[in-house]
Amino acid sequence: MTKCTKCDKFLKSHKHRDVNLSELKSKNLNEGFEYHDKLNEVRFLFAQKIKKLRLEQKKRTNEWSIQQWYYGYLESNIWRKKRDWILNKMDYKCERCGKKALYVHHKTYDRVGYENP
């Protein structure tokens, strides 16, 4: 399923009919493969095609640029300093369960890049 990043409305459901399986390039399916091997090969090729369709949908929408920016932000020195500050403040313990914490999560994404401590 593909959803809008702003309103969470479903935009498109990818189904088997979206892909013409006979047009997918494949290893020679007629040369001695058993039924399950053929089926697994077609499933793998179908999954690759669906992945490509979803990526194209992301690129057509703003979702692609926002996602790329966010992952870049998580690798930045600014986030690393905020993360380390929070982990030190909480003594590397999870606020929920008290076990050792390795990650810091956003409570809300409204102020990403301008988070309040």
C-alpha atoms as a PDB file:
ATOM      1  CA  MET A   1       0.000   0.000   0.000  1.00  0.00           C
ATOM      2  CA  THR A   2       1.156   3.527  -0.706  1.00  0.00           C
ATOM      3  CA  LYS A   3      -0.075   6.259   1.648  1.00  0.00           C
ATOM      4  CA  CYS A   4       0.054  10.042   1.590  1.00  0.00           C
ATOM      5  CA  THR A   5       2.643  11.320   4.090  1.00  0.00           C
ATOM      6  CA  LYS A   6       0.494  14.292   5.080  1.00  0.00           C
ATOM      7  CA  CYS A   7      -2.994  12.865   5.566  1.00  0.00           C
ATOM      8  CA  ASP A   8      -2.345   9.075   5.704  1.00  0.00           C
ATOM      9  CA  LYS A   9      -4.901   8.531   2.944  1.00  0.00           C
ATOM     10  CA  PHE A  10      -4.287   5.393   0.899  1.00  0.00           C
ATOM     11  CA  LEU A  11      -3.161   6.384  -2.583  1.00  0.00           C
ATOM     12  CA  LYS A  12      -2.570   3.091  -4.316  1.00  0.00           C
ATOM     13  CA  SER A  13      -2.672  -0.586  -3.600  1.00  0.00           C
ATOM     14  CA  HIS A  14      -0.153  -2.608  -5.586  1.00  0.00           C
ATOM     15  CA  LYS A  15      -1.525  -5.938  -6.727  1.00  0.00           C
ATOM     16  CA  HIS A  16      -0.545  -8.787  -8.975  1.00  0.00           C
ATOM     17  CA  ARG A  17      -2.521  -7.278 -11.825  1.00  0.00           C
ATOM     18  CA  ASP A  18      -0.188  -4.227 -11.757  1.00  0.00           C
ATOM     19  CA  VAL A  19       2.570  -6.420 -13.152  1.00  0.00           C
ATOM     20  CA  ASN A  20       2.447  -8.565 -16.275  1.00  0.00           C
ATOM     21  CA  LEU A  21       4.354 -11.613 -15.015  1.00  0.00           C
ATOM     22  CA  SER A  22       4.966 -12.915 -18.531  1.00  0.00           C
ATOM     23  CA  GLU A  23       7.015  -9.773 -19.312  1.00  0.00           C
ATOM     24  CA  LEU A  24       9.362 -10.186 -16.336  1.00  0.00           C
ATOM     25  CA  LYS A  25      12.838 -11.306 -17.264  1.00  0.00           C
ATOM     26  CA  SER A  26      13.655 -14.588 -15.653  1.00  0.00           C
ATOM     27  CA  LYS A  27      16.119 -17.420 -15.703  1.00  0.00           C
ATOM     28  CA  ASN A  28      15.078 -20.083 -18.173  1.00  0.00           C
ATOM     29  CA  LEU A  29      12.025 -21.319 -16.313  1.00  0.00           C
ATOM     30  CA  ASN A  30      11.477 -24.089 -18.832  1.00  0.00           C
ATOM     31  CA  GLU A  31      14.856 -25.770 -18.258  1.00  0.00           C
ATOM     32  CA  GLY A  32      14.291 -28.300 -15.520  1.00  0.00           C
ATOM     33  CA  PHE A  33      13.181 -26.127 -12.615  1.00  0.00           C
ATOM     34  CA  GLU A  34      10.717 -27.728 -10.277  1.00  0.00           C
ATOM     35  CA  TYR A  35       7.351 -26.070  -9.708  1.00  0.00           C
ATOM     36  CA  HIS A  36       8.345 -24.493  -6.364  1.00  0.00           C
ATOM     37  CA  ASP A  37      11.583 -23.151  -7.788  1.00  0.00           C
ATOM     38  CA  LYS A  38       9.638 -21.518 -10.617  1.00  0.00           C
ATOM     39  CA  LEU A  39       7.130 -20.104  -8.177  1.00  0.00           C
ATOM     40  CA  ASN A  40       9.857 -18.692  -5.911  1.00  0.00           C
ATOM     41  CA  GLU A  41      11.599 -17.119  -8.896  1.00  0.00           C
ATOM     42  CA  VAL A  42       8.399 -15.424 -10.069  1.00  0.00           C
ATOM     43  CA  ARG A  43       7.632 -14.221  -6.518  1.00  0.00           C
ATOM     44  CA  PHE A  44      11.118 -12.736  -6.219  1.00  0.00           C
ATOM     45  CA  LEU A  45      10.804 -10.935  -9.558  1.00  0.00           C
ATOM     46  CA  PHE A  46       7.334  -9.694  -8.602  1.00  0.00           C
ATOM     47  CA  ALA A  47       8.668  -8.334  -5.290  1.00  0.00           C
ATOM     48  CA  GLN A  48      11.443  -6.499  -7.150  1.00  0.00           C
ATOM     49  CA  LYS A  49       8.902  -4.950  -9.527  1.00  0.00           C
ATOM     50  CA  ILE A  50       6.654  -3.833  -6.636  1.00  0.00           C
ATOM     51  CA  LYS A  51       9.661  -2.333  -4.842  1.00  0.00           C
ATOM     52  CA  LYS A  52      10.501  -0.377  -8.000  1.00  0.00           C
ATOM     53  CA  LEU A  53       6.888   0.849  -8.334  1.00  0.00           C
ATOM     54  CA  ARG A  54       6.846   2.019  -4.708  1.00  0.00           C
ATOM     55  CA  LEU A  55      10.151   3.852  -5.145  1.00  0.00           C
ATOM     56  CA  GLU A  56       8.799   5.605  -8.251  1.00  0.00           C
ATOM     57  CA  GLN A  57       5.702   6.633  -6.255  1.00  0.00           C
ATOM     58  CA  LYS A  58       7.901   8.067  -3.491  1.00  0.00           C
ATOM     59  CA  LYS A  59       9.933  10.024  -6.023  1.00  0.00           C
ATOM     60  CA  ARG A  60       6.772  11.477  -7.608  1.00  0.00           C
ATOM     61  CA  THR A  61       5.631  12.753  -4.213  1.00  0.00           C
ATOM     62  CA  ASN A  62       7.423  14.848  -1.629  1.00  0.00           C
ATOM     63  CA  GLU A  63       7.909  11.748   0.527  1.00  0.00           C
ATOM     64  CA  TRP A  64      11.242  10.964  -1.159  1.00  0.00           C
ATOM     65  CA  SER A  65      12.934  14.285  -0.357  1.00  0.00           C
ATOM     66  CA  ILE A  66      11.609  14.403   3.219  1.00  0.00           C
ATOM     67  CA  GLN A  67      12.767  10.859   3.920  1.00  0.00           C
ATOM     68  CA  GLN A  68      16.211  11.496   2.420  1.00  0.00           C
ATOM     69  CA  TRP A  69      16.602  14.714   4.454  1.00  0.00           C
ATOM     70  CA  TYR A  70      15.521  13.001   7.686  1.00  0.00           C
ATOM     71  CA  TYR A  71      18.011  10.139   7.330  1.00  0.00           C
ATOM     72  CA  GLY A  72      20.740  12.683   6.573  1.00  0.00           C
ATOM     73  CA  TYR A  73      19.739  14.675   9.661  1.00  0.00           C
ATOM     74  CA  LEU A  74      20.033  11.568  11.846  1.00  0.00           C
ATOM     75  CA  GLU A  75      23.639  11.202  10.651  1.00  0.00           C
ATOM     76  CA  SER A  76      24.514  14.863  11.353  1.00  0.00           C
ATOM     77  CA  ASN A  77      26.701  16.174  14.179  1.00  0.00           C
ATOM     78  CA  ILE A  78      23.812  18.312  15.455  1.00  0.00           C
ATOM     79  CA  TRP A  79      21.630  15.235  16.062  1.00  0.00           C
ATOM     80  CA  ARG A  80      24.564  13.253  17.441  1.00  0.00           C
ATOM     81  CA  LYS A  81      25.209  15.972  20.071  1.00  0.00           C
ATOM     82  CA  LYS A  82      21.508  16.137  21.031  1.00  0.00           C
ATOM     83  CA  ARG A  83      21.352  12.349  21.208  1.00  0.00           C
ATOM     84  CA  ASP A  84      24.443  12.105  23.404  1.00  0.00           C
ATOM     85  CA  TRP A  85      23.149  14.881  25.691  1.00  0.00           C
ATOM     86  CA  ILE A  86      19.809  13.104  26.189  1.00  0.00           C
ATOM     87  CA  LEU A  87      21.436   9.706  26.758  1.00  0.00           C
ATOM     88  CA  ASN A  88      23.825  11.174  29.351  1.00  0.00           C
ATOM     89  CA  LYS A  89      20.968  13.046  31.042  1.00  0.00           C
ATOM     90  CA  MET A  90      18.935   9.833  31.304  1.00  0.00           C
ATOM     91  CA  ASP A  91      22.029   7.817  32.350  1.00  0.00           C
ATOM     92  CA  TYR A  92      21.587   5.597  29.267  1.00  0.00           C
ATOM     93  CA  LYS A  93      18.311   4.188  30.621  1.00  0.00           C
ATOM     94  CA  CYS A  94      14.994   3.841  28.825  1.00  0.00           C
ATOM     95  CA  GLU A  95      12.271   6.140  30.166  1.00  0.00           C
ATOM     96  CA  ARG A  96       9.675   3.377  29.791  1.00  0.00           C
ATOM     97  CA  CYS A  97      11.284   0.172  31.046  1.00  0.00           C
ATOM     98  CA  GLY A  98      14.519   1.312  32.745  1.00  0.00           C
ATOM     99  CA  LYS A  99      16.754  -0.995  30.707  1.00  0.00           C
ATOM    100  CA  LYS A 100      19.885   0.197  28.913  1.00  0.00           C
ATOM    101  CA  ALA A 101      18.985   2.616  26.098  1.00  0.00           C
ATOM    102  CA  LEU A 102      20.898   2.761  22.835  1.00  0.00           C
ATOM    103  CA  TYR A 103      18.540   4.928  20.797  1.00  0.00           C
ATOM    104  CA  VAL A 104      16.784   8.262  21.145  1.00  0.00           C
ATOM    105  CA  HIS A 105      13.388   8.637  19.477  1.00  0.00           C
ATOM    106  CA  HIS A 106      11.359  11.691  18.626  1.00  0.00           C
ATOM    107  CA  LYS A 107       8.148  12.002  20.626  1.00  0.00           C
ATOM    108  CA  THR A 108       6.722  14.166  17.851  1.00  0.00           C
ATOM    109  CA  TYR A 109       8.036  15.027  14.416  1.00  0.00           C
ATOM    110  CA  ASP A 110       6.601  18.568  14.458  1.00  0.00           C
ATOM    111  CA  ARG A 111       9.947  20.148  15.418  1.00  0.00           C
ATOM    112  CA  VAL A 112      12.458  17.827  13.725  1.00  0.00           C
ATOM    113  CA  GLY A 113      15.702  19.744  13.444  1.00  0.00           C
ATOM    114  CA  TYR A 114      14.562  22.218  16.105  1.00  0.00           C
ATOM    115  CA  GLU A 115      13.858  19.847  18.972  1.00  0.00           C
ATOM    116  CA  ASN A 116      13.424  21.067  22.515  1.00  0.00           C
ATOM    117  CA  PRO A 117      15.584  19.183  25.008  1.00  0.00           C
END
